[in-house]
Amino acid sequence: MSVEAVKWFFQERGKNVPILKFDDTSTVAKAAESLGVTAGEIAKSLLFQVKEEYIMVVMAGDKRLNNHKFKDYFQAKAKMLDPSKVASITGHPVGGVCPFGLKTPVPVYLDKSLQAYVRVFPAAGAPDAAVSLPVPELAELTQGIWVDLAG
């Protein structure tokens, strides 16, 4: 169902974005190895609760969230959710979480670390699925807000 939601997301927008299937892309390292790219080119999607709302941060796979930058920007501490809550909000299992075809719409924030790459590879709704997108197209499709949250 989750990969189907991602396919539908692209179809609704008139985009022909193939879903790439692999043995396992559930971690940044596995995804990079499967795709033959660097860890930084993997666009990892992280779901947080900020006060009473949920947000998604997409960042380069080789970067870590800087908690001080997060708190300064959102005026709240970064609170990650447990896997079952992530799945219930996004409709995607952990390892397949992406900003496409979300069950519950959430604001998407794109970390500037992604701008170091021409093309990135976000998951596509399952641990064995990804898509390949130019960074400007990722920004357009997600209506993402650029932020500097990597440490």
N, C-alpha and C. Protein backbone atom coordinates (compact mmCIF):
# COMPACT_ATOMS: atom_id res chain seq x y z
N MET A 1 0.82 -1.20 0.00
CA MET A 1 0.00 0.00 0.00
C MET A 1 0.86 1.26 0.00
N SER A 2 1.91 1.27 0.78
CA SER A 2 2.74 2.45 0.93
C SER A 2 3.44 2.84 -0.38
N VAL A 3 4.02 1.86 -1.07
CA VAL A 3 4.67 2.14 -2.35
C VAL A 3 3.61 2.61 -3.36
N GLU A 4 2.42 2.04 -3.28
CA GLU A 4 1.33 2.48 -4.16
C GLU A 4 0.97 3.94 -3.91
N ALA A 5 0.98 4.36 -2.66
CA ALA A 5 0.70 5.76 -2.32
C ALA A 5 1.75 6.68 -2.92
N VAL A 6 3.00 6.23 -2.93
CA VAL A 6 4.09 7.01 -3.53
C VAL A 6 3.89 7.10 -5.05
N LYS A 7 3.56 5.98 -5.68
CA LYS A 7 3.29 5.98 -7.13
C LYS A 7 2.16 6.95 -7.46
N TRP A 8 1.09 6.89 -6.67
CA TRP A 8 -0.06 7.75 -6.88
C TRP A 8 0.33 9.23 -6.72
N PHE A 9 1.16 9.53 -5.73
CA PHE A 9 1.65 10.88 -5.48
C PHE A 9 2.28 11.45 -6.76
N PHE A 10 3.16 10.67 -7.38
CA PHE A 10 3.84 11.14 -8.60
C PHE A 10 2.87 11.23 -9.77
N GLN A 11 1.99 10.25 -9.91
CA GLN A 11 1.01 10.26 -11.00
C GLN A 11 0.10 11.48 -10.91
N GLU A 12 -0.36 11.83 -9.71
CA GLU A 12 -1.22 13.00 -9.51
C GLU A 12 -0.55 14.28 -9.98
N ARG A 13 0.76 14.31 -9.92
CA ARG A 13 1.52 15.50 -10.30
C ARG A 13 2.06 15.43 -11.72
N GLY A 14 1.65 14.39 -12.44
CA GLY A 14 2.07 14.24 -13.83
C GLY A 14 3.55 13.93 -13.99
N LYS A 15 4.13 13.30 -12.99
CA LYS A 15 5.56 12.99 -13.00
C LYS A 15 5.76 11.50 -13.24
N ASN A 16 6.66 11.19 -14.13
CA ASN A 16 7.03 9.79 -14.39
C ASN A 16 8.31 9.50 -13.62
N VAL A 17 8.15 9.09 -12.39
CA VAL A 17 9.31 8.81 -11.52
C VAL A 17 9.29 7.32 -11.21
N PRO A 18 10.21 6.57 -11.80
CA PRO A 18 10.24 5.13 -11.54
C PRO A 18 10.61 4.81 -10.09
N ILE A 19 9.95 3.80 -9.56
CA ILE A 19 10.29 3.30 -8.22
C ILE A 19 11.39 2.26 -8.42
N LEU A 20 12.53 2.50 -7.79
CA LEU A 20 13.67 1.59 -7.87
C LEU A 20 13.54 0.56 -6.75
N LYS A 21 13.60 -0.71 -7.09
CA LYS A 21 13.45 -1.78 -6.10
C LYS A 21 14.81 -2.46 -5.87
N PHE A 22 15.10 -2.74 -4.60
CA PHE A 22 16.36 -3.35 -4.22
C PHE A 22 16.12 -4.38 -3.14
N ASP A 23 17.18 -5.09 -2.77
CA ASP A 23 17.07 -6.08 -1.69
C ASP A 23 16.69 -5.39 -0.39
N ASP A 24 17.39 -4.32 -0.04
CA ASP A 24 17.12 -3.65 1.22
C ASP A 24 17.76 -2.27 1.22
N THR A 25 16.94 -1.25 1.42
CA THR A 25 17.46 0.12 1.55
C THR A 25 17.03 0.70 2.89
N SER A 26 16.89 -0.16 3.90
CA SER A 26 16.33 0.27 5.18
C SER A 26 17.27 1.14 6.01
N THR A 27 18.56 1.14 5.71
CA THR A 27 19.50 2.05 6.36
C THR A 27 20.23 2.83 5.29
N VAL A 28 20.81 3.93 5.68
CA VAL A 28 21.57 4.75 4.72
C VAL A 28 22.68 3.93 4.08
N ALA A 29 23.42 3.18 4.89
CA ALA A 29 24.54 2.38 4.36
C ALA A 29 24.05 1.34 3.35
N LYS A 30 22.98 0.64 3.69
CA LYS A 30 22.44 -0.39 2.78
C LYS A 30 21.91 0.25 1.50
N ALA A 31 21.24 1.37 1.63
CA ALA A 31 20.70 2.06 0.46
C ALA A 31 21.82 2.52 -0.46
N ALA A 32 22.85 3.13 0.11
CA ALA A 32 23.97 3.62 -0.69
C ALA A 32 24.66 2.48 -1.42
N GLU A 33 24.87 1.37 -0.71
CA GLU A 33 25.50 0.21 -1.33
C GLU A 33 24.63 -0.36 -2.47
N SER A 34 23.34 -0.50 -2.21
CA SER A 34 22.42 -1.04 -3.22
C SER A 34 22.35 -0.16 -4.46
N LEU A 35 22.40 1.16 -4.26
CA LEU A 35 22.26 2.11 -5.36
C LEU A 35 23.59 2.47 -6.02
N GLY A 36 24.69 2.12 -5.36
CA GLY A 36 26.00 2.46 -5.90
C GLY A 36 26.30 3.95 -5.83
N VAL A 37 25.84 4.59 -4.73
CA VAL A 37 26.06 6.03 -4.54
C VAL A 37 26.67 6.25 -3.16
N THR A 38 27.03 7.49 -2.87
CA THR A 38 27.57 7.81 -1.55
C THR A 38 26.44 7.91 -0.54
N ALA A 39 26.78 7.79 0.72
CA ALA A 39 25.78 7.90 1.79
C ALA A 39 25.10 9.27 1.77
N GLY A 40 25.84 10.30 1.41
CA GLY A 40 25.27 11.65 1.37
C GLY A 40 24.16 11.80 0.35
N GLU A 41 24.21 11.01 -0.71
CA GLU A 41 23.18 11.10 -1.75
C GLU A 41 21.86 10.44 -1.35
N ILE A 42 21.88 9.69 -0.26
CA ILE A 42 20.64 9.11 0.26
C ILE A 42 19.92 10.20 1.05
N ALA A 43 18.71 10.53 0.65
CA ALA A 43 17.93 11.57 1.33
C ALA A 43 17.09 10.90 2.42
N LYS A 44 17.56 11.00 3.66
CA LYS A 44 16.82 10.34 4.74
C LYS A 44 15.73 11.27 5.25
N SER A 45 14.58 10.67 5.54
CA SER A 45 13.41 11.41 6.01
C SER A 45 13.16 11.08 7.47
N LEU A 46 13.12 12.12 8.29
CA LEU A 46 12.96 11.96 9.73
C LEU A 46 11.69 12.67 10.19
N LEU A 47 10.86 11.98 10.95
CA LEU A 47 9.61 12.57 11.43
C LEU A 47 9.79 12.98 12.90
N PHE A 48 9.36 14.20 13.21
CA PHE A 48 9.46 14.73 14.57
C PHE A 48 8.12 15.28 15.02
N GLN A 49 7.95 15.29 16.32
CA GLN A 49 6.82 16.02 16.90
C GLN A 49 7.40 17.32 17.43
N VAL A 50 6.79 18.44 17.03
CA VAL A 50 7.18 19.76 17.50
C VAL A 50 5.94 20.37 18.14
N LYS A 51 5.97 20.46 19.43
CA LYS A 51 4.80 20.90 20.20
C LYS A 51 3.62 20.00 19.86
N GLU A 52 2.58 20.53 19.23
CA GLU A 52 1.39 19.74 18.93
C GLU A 52 1.31 19.28 17.49
N GLU A 53 2.36 19.50 16.69
CA GLU A 53 2.29 19.09 15.28
C GLU A 53 3.47 18.20 14.92
N TYR A 54 3.36 17.57 13.76
CA TYR A 54 4.42 16.72 13.24
C TYR A 54 5.06 17.42 12.06
N ILE A 55 6.35 17.20 11.92
CA ILE A 55 7.10 17.75 10.78
C ILE A 55 8.04 16.68 10.26
N MET A 56 8.43 16.82 9.01
CA MET A 56 9.41 15.91 8.42
C MET A 56 10.63 16.72 8.00
N VAL A 57 11.78 16.21 8.36
CA VAL A 57 13.05 16.80 7.93
C VAL A 57 13.72 15.79 7.00
N VAL A 58 14.09 16.27 5.81
CA VAL A 58 14.81 15.43 4.85
C VAL A 58 16.22 15.99 4.76
N MET A 59 17.20 15.11 4.97
CA MET A 59 18.59 15.58 4.95
C MET A 59 19.50 14.54 4.30
N ALA A 60 20.71 14.97 3.96
CA ALA A 60 21.70 14.07 3.37
C ALA A 60 21.97 12.93 4.35
N GLY A 61 22.09 11.73 3.81
CA GLY A 61 22.24 10.54 4.62
C GLY A 61 23.48 10.47 5.48
N ASP A 62 24.50 11.24 5.13
CA ASP A 62 25.73 11.21 5.93
C ASP A 62 25.77 12.30 6.99
N LYS A 63 24.68 13.01 7.17
CA LYS A 63 24.62 14.10 8.15
C LYS A 63 23.77 13.70 9.34
N ARG A 64 24.02 14.36 10.45
CA ARG A 64 23.23 14.14 11.67
C ARG A 64 22.52 15.44 12.02
N LEU A 65 21.39 15.31 12.66
CA LEU A 65 20.64 16.47 13.11
C LEU A 65 21.40 17.15 14.23
N ASN A 66 21.53 18.46 14.14
CA ASN A 66 22.13 19.25 15.21
C ASN A 66 20.98 19.72 16.10
N ASN A 67 20.92 19.18 17.31
CA ASN A 67 19.82 19.48 18.22
C ASN A 67 19.72 20.96 18.58
N HIS A 68 20.85 21.64 18.67
CA HIS A 68 20.83 23.07 18.99
C HIS A 68 20.21 23.87 17.85
N LYS A 69 20.60 23.55 16.61
CA LYS A 69 20.01 24.24 15.45
C LYS A 69 18.52 23.97 15.37
N PHE A 70 18.13 22.73 15.62
CA PHE A 70 16.71 22.36 15.59
C PHE A 70 15.93 23.19 16.61
N LYS A 71 16.44 23.23 17.83
CA LYS A 71 15.74 23.96 18.90
C LYS A 71 15.69 25.45 18.60
N ASP A 72 16.77 26.01 18.06
CA ASP A 72 16.76 27.43 17.70
C ASP A 72 15.73 27.73 16.61
N TYR A 73 15.64 26.85 15.62
CA TYR A 73 14.74 27.09 14.50
C TYR A 73 13.27 26.88 14.90
N PHE A 74 12.97 25.78 15.56
CA PHE A 74 11.59 25.43 15.87
C PHE A 74 11.12 25.88 17.26
N GLN A 75 12.05 26.40 18.05
CA GLN A 75 11.73 26.81 19.41
C GLN A 75 11.15 25.64 20.22
N ALA A 76 11.67 24.47 19.94
CA ALA A 76 11.24 23.26 20.64
C ALA A 76 12.33 22.21 20.50
N LYS A 77 12.36 21.29 21.44
CA LYS A 77 13.32 20.19 21.41
C LYS A 77 12.89 19.17 20.35
N ALA A 78 13.86 18.58 19.67
CA ALA A 78 13.58 17.55 18.66
C ALA A 78 13.08 16.29 19.37
N LYS A 79 11.86 15.87 19.02
CA LYS A 79 11.29 14.67 19.62
C LYS A 79 10.96 13.68 18.51
N MET A 80 11.77 12.63 18.42
CA MET A 80 11.52 11.60 17.42
C MET A 80 10.40 10.69 17.93
N LEU A 81 9.72 10.06 17.00
CA LEU A 81 8.58 9.21 17.34
C LEU A 81 8.96 7.73 17.23
N ASP A 82 8.21 6.89 17.94
CA ASP A 82 8.48 5.46 17.84
C ASP A 82 8.00 4.96 16.48
N PRO A 83 8.55 3.84 16.01
CA PRO A 83 8.24 3.34 14.66
C PRO A 83 6.76 3.15 14.36
N SER A 84 5.97 2.70 15.33
CA SER A 84 4.54 2.50 15.06
C SER A 84 3.83 3.83 14.84
N LYS A 85 4.23 4.85 15.58
CA LYS A 85 3.64 6.18 15.42
C LYS A 85 4.05 6.77 14.07
N VAL A 86 5.31 6.58 13.68
CA VAL A 86 5.78 7.05 12.37
C VAL A 86 4.95 6.41 11.27
N ALA A 87 4.74 5.11 11.36
CA ALA A 87 3.96 4.40 10.34
C ALA A 87 2.51 4.86 10.31
N SER A 88 1.92 5.12 11.47
CA SER A 88 0.52 5.53 11.50
C SER A 88 0.34 6.94 10.93
N ILE A 89 1.32 7.81 11.10
CA ILE A 89 1.21 9.18 10.59
C ILE A 89 1.55 9.25 9.11
N THR A 90 2.66 8.61 8.73
CA THR A 90 3.12 8.73 7.33
C THR A 90 2.47 7.71 6.41
N GLY A 91 2.08 6.56 6.95
CA GLY A 91 1.60 5.47 6.11
C GLY A 91 2.75 4.64 5.57
N HIS A 92 3.97 4.99 5.95
CA HIS A 92 5.17 4.29 5.48
C HIS A 92 5.89 3.65 6.67
N PRO A 93 6.43 2.44 6.49
CA PRO A 93 7.19 1.83 7.57
C PRO A 93 8.56 2.49 7.71
N VAL A 94 9.13 2.42 8.91
CA VAL A 94 10.49 2.93 9.10
C VAL A 94 11.40 2.19 8.13
N GLY A 95 12.28 2.92 7.49
CA GLY A 95 13.13 2.36 6.44
C GLY A 95 12.58 2.70 5.06
N GLY A 96 11.29 3.04 5.01
CA GLY A 96 10.65 3.42 3.75
C GLY A 96 10.02 4.80 3.83
N VAL A 97 10.23 5.49 4.97
CA VAL A 97 9.62 6.80 5.17
C VAL A 97 10.18 7.80 4.15
N CYS A 98 9.26 8.54 3.55
CA CYS A 98 9.63 9.53 2.55
C CYS A 98 8.58 10.65 2.57
N PRO A 99 8.85 11.76 1.91
CA PRO A 99 7.89 12.87 1.91
C PRO A 99 6.82 12.76 0.84
N PHE A 100 6.63 11.60 0.25
CA PHE A 100 5.67 11.41 -0.84
C PHE A 100 4.54 10.48 -0.40
N GLY A 101 3.32 10.79 -0.81
CA GLY A 101 2.20 9.89 -0.53
C GLY A 101 1.93 9.72 0.95
N LEU A 102 2.06 10.79 1.70
CA LEU A 102 1.88 10.71 3.14
C LEU A 102 0.41 10.52 3.51
N LYS A 103 0.17 9.67 4.48
CA LYS A 103 -1.18 9.42 4.97
C LYS A 103 -1.74 10.69 5.62
N THR A 104 -0.90 11.36 6.40
CA THR A 104 -1.25 12.61 7.05
C THR A 104 -0.30 13.68 6.53
N PRO A 105 -0.84 14.73 5.88
CA PRO A 105 0.06 15.78 5.38
C PRO A 105 0.83 16.43 6.54
N VAL A 106 2.13 16.57 6.35
CA VAL A 106 2.97 17.26 7.33
C VAL A 106 3.89 18.21 6.58
N PRO A 107 4.27 19.33 7.22
CA PRO A 107 5.23 20.23 6.59
C PRO A 107 6.56 19.50 6.39
N VAL A 108 7.20 19.77 5.25
CA VAL A 108 8.49 19.14 4.93
C VAL A 108 9.56 20.22 4.95
N TYR A 109 10.64 19.93 5.65
CA TYR A 109 11.80 20.82 5.73
C TYR A 109 12.97 20.10 5.10
N LEU A 110 13.61 20.77 4.16
CA LEU A 110 14.74 20.18 3.45
C LEU A 110 16.03 20.80 3.99
N ASP A 111 16.89 19.96 4.51
CA ASP A 111 18.15 20.47 5.03
C ASP A 111 19.08 20.86 3.89
N LYS A 112 19.80 21.95 4.09
CA LYS A 112 20.71 22.46 3.07
C LYS A 112 21.81 21.47 2.70
N SER A 113 22.01 20.45 3.52
CA SER A 113 23.02 19.42 3.20
C SER A 113 22.70 18.73 1.88
N LEU A 114 21.44 18.70 1.49
CA LEU A 114 21.04 18.08 0.22
C LEU A 114 21.55 18.88 -0.98
N GLN A 115 21.78 20.16 -0.80
CA GLN A 115 22.20 21.03 -1.90
C GLN A 115 23.62 20.74 -2.39
N ALA A 116 24.35 19.90 -1.68
CA ALA A 116 25.70 19.51 -2.11
C ALA A 116 25.64 18.51 -3.27
N TYR A 117 24.43 18.02 -3.58
CA TYR A 117 24.27 16.97 -4.59
C TYR A 117 23.35 17.44 -5.71
N VAL A 118 23.61 16.90 -6.89
CA VAL A 118 22.76 17.18 -8.05
C VAL A 118 21.49 16.36 -7.96
N ARG A 119 21.63 15.11 -7.54
CA ARG A 119 20.53 14.14 -7.50
C ARG A 119 20.61 13.40 -6.16
N VAL A 120 19.44 13.12 -5.58
CA VAL A 120 19.39 12.38 -4.32
C VAL A 120 18.40 11.23 -4.45
N PHE A 121 18.47 10.32 -3.48
CA PHE A 121 17.69 9.09 -3.52
C PHE A 121 16.90 8.93 -2.23
N PRO A 122 15.69 9.49 -2.17
CA PRO A 122 14.83 9.24 -1.01
C PRO A 122 14.19 7.86 -1.10
N ALA A 123 13.77 7.34 0.03
CA ALA A 123 13.00 6.09 0.05
C ALA A 123 11.68 6.32 -0.69
N ALA A 124 10.97 5.23 -0.94
CA ALA A 124 9.71 5.33 -1.70
C ALA A 124 8.61 4.49 -1.08
N GLY A 125 8.51 4.54 0.25
CA GLY A 125 7.38 3.90 0.91
C GLY A 125 7.61 2.48 1.41
N ALA A 126 8.80 1.94 1.19
CA ALA A 126 9.12 0.59 1.67
C ALA A 126 10.63 0.49 1.83
N PRO A 127 11.11 -0.41 2.70
CA PRO A 127 12.55 -0.56 2.92
C PRO A 127 13.32 -1.02 1.69
N ASP A 128 12.64 -1.52 0.67
CA ASP A 128 13.33 -1.98 -0.53
C ASP A 128 13.02 -1.11 -1.75
N ALA A 129 12.56 0.13 -1.50
CA ALA A 129 12.16 1.00 -2.61
C ALA A 129 12.74 2.40 -2.43
N ALA A 130 13.16 3.00 -3.56
CA ALA A 130 13.69 4.36 -3.56
C ALA A 130 13.34 5.01 -4.88
N VAL A 131 13.53 6.32 -4.94
CA VAL A 131 13.41 7.06 -6.19
C VAL A 131 14.65 7.90 -6.36
N SER A 132 14.90 8.30 -7.59
CA SER A 132 16.04 9.16 -7.91
C SER A 132 15.47 10.49 -8.39
N LEU A 133 15.86 11.57 -7.72
CA LEU A 133 15.32 12.88 -8.07
C LEU A 133 16.41 13.95 -8.06
N PRO A 134 16.38 14.87 -9.03
CA PRO A 134 17.23 16.05 -8.91
C PRO A 134 16.77 16.85 -7.69
N VAL A 135 17.70 17.46 -6.99
CA VAL A 135 17.37 18.19 -5.76
C VAL A 135 16.31 19.27 -6.00
N PRO A 136 16.39 20.06 -7.08
CA PRO A 136 15.33 21.06 -7.28
C PRO A 136 13.94 20.43 -7.46
N GLU A 137 13.87 19.25 -8.07
CA GLU A 137 12.58 18.58 -8.23
C GLU A 137 12.06 18.07 -6.89
N LEU A 138 12.95 17.59 -6.03
CA LEU A 138 12.55 17.18 -4.69
C LEU A 138 11.93 18.37 -3.96
N ALA A 139 12.58 19.52 -4.06
CA ALA A 139 12.07 20.73 -3.40
C ALA A 139 10.70 21.12 -3.96
N GLU A 140 10.56 21.04 -5.27
CA GLU A 140 9.28 21.39 -5.91
C GLU A 140 8.17 20.42 -5.49
N LEU A 141 8.45 19.14 -5.56
CA LEU A 141 7.43 18.13 -5.26
C LEU A 141 6.97 18.15 -3.80
N THR A 142 7.88 18.44 -2.91
CA THR A 142 7.55 18.42 -1.48
C THR A 142 7.10 19.79 -0.98
N GLN A 143 7.30 20.81 -1.79
CA GLN A 143 7.08 22.19 -1.34
C GLN A 143 7.86 22.43 -0.05
N GLY A 144 9.06 21.84 -0.02
CA GLY A 144 9.89 21.88 1.16
C GLY A 144 10.46 23.25 1.45
N ILE A 145 10.65 23.51 2.73
CA ILE A 145 11.24 24.75 3.21
C ILE A 145 12.70 24.45 3.52
N TRP A 146 13.61 25.23 2.91
CA TRP A 146 15.05 24.99 3.14
C TRP A 146 15.45 25.48 4.53
N VAL A 147 16.17 24.63 5.25
CA VAL A 147 16.65 24.94 6.59
C VAL A 147 18.07 24.44 6.74
N ASP A 148 18.74 24.91 7.79
CA ASP A 148 20.09 24.45 8.11
C ASP A 148 20.03 23.78 9.48
N LEU A 149 19.87 22.45 9.47
CA LEU A 149 19.71 21.72 10.72
C LEU A 149 20.78 20.65 10.93
N ALA A 150 21.64 20.45 9.96
CA ALA A 150 22.68 19.41 10.07
C ALA A 150 23.83 19.89 10.94
N GLY A 151 24.43 18.93 11.64
CA GLY A 151 25.56 19.27 12.50
C GLY A 151 26.83 18.71 11.96
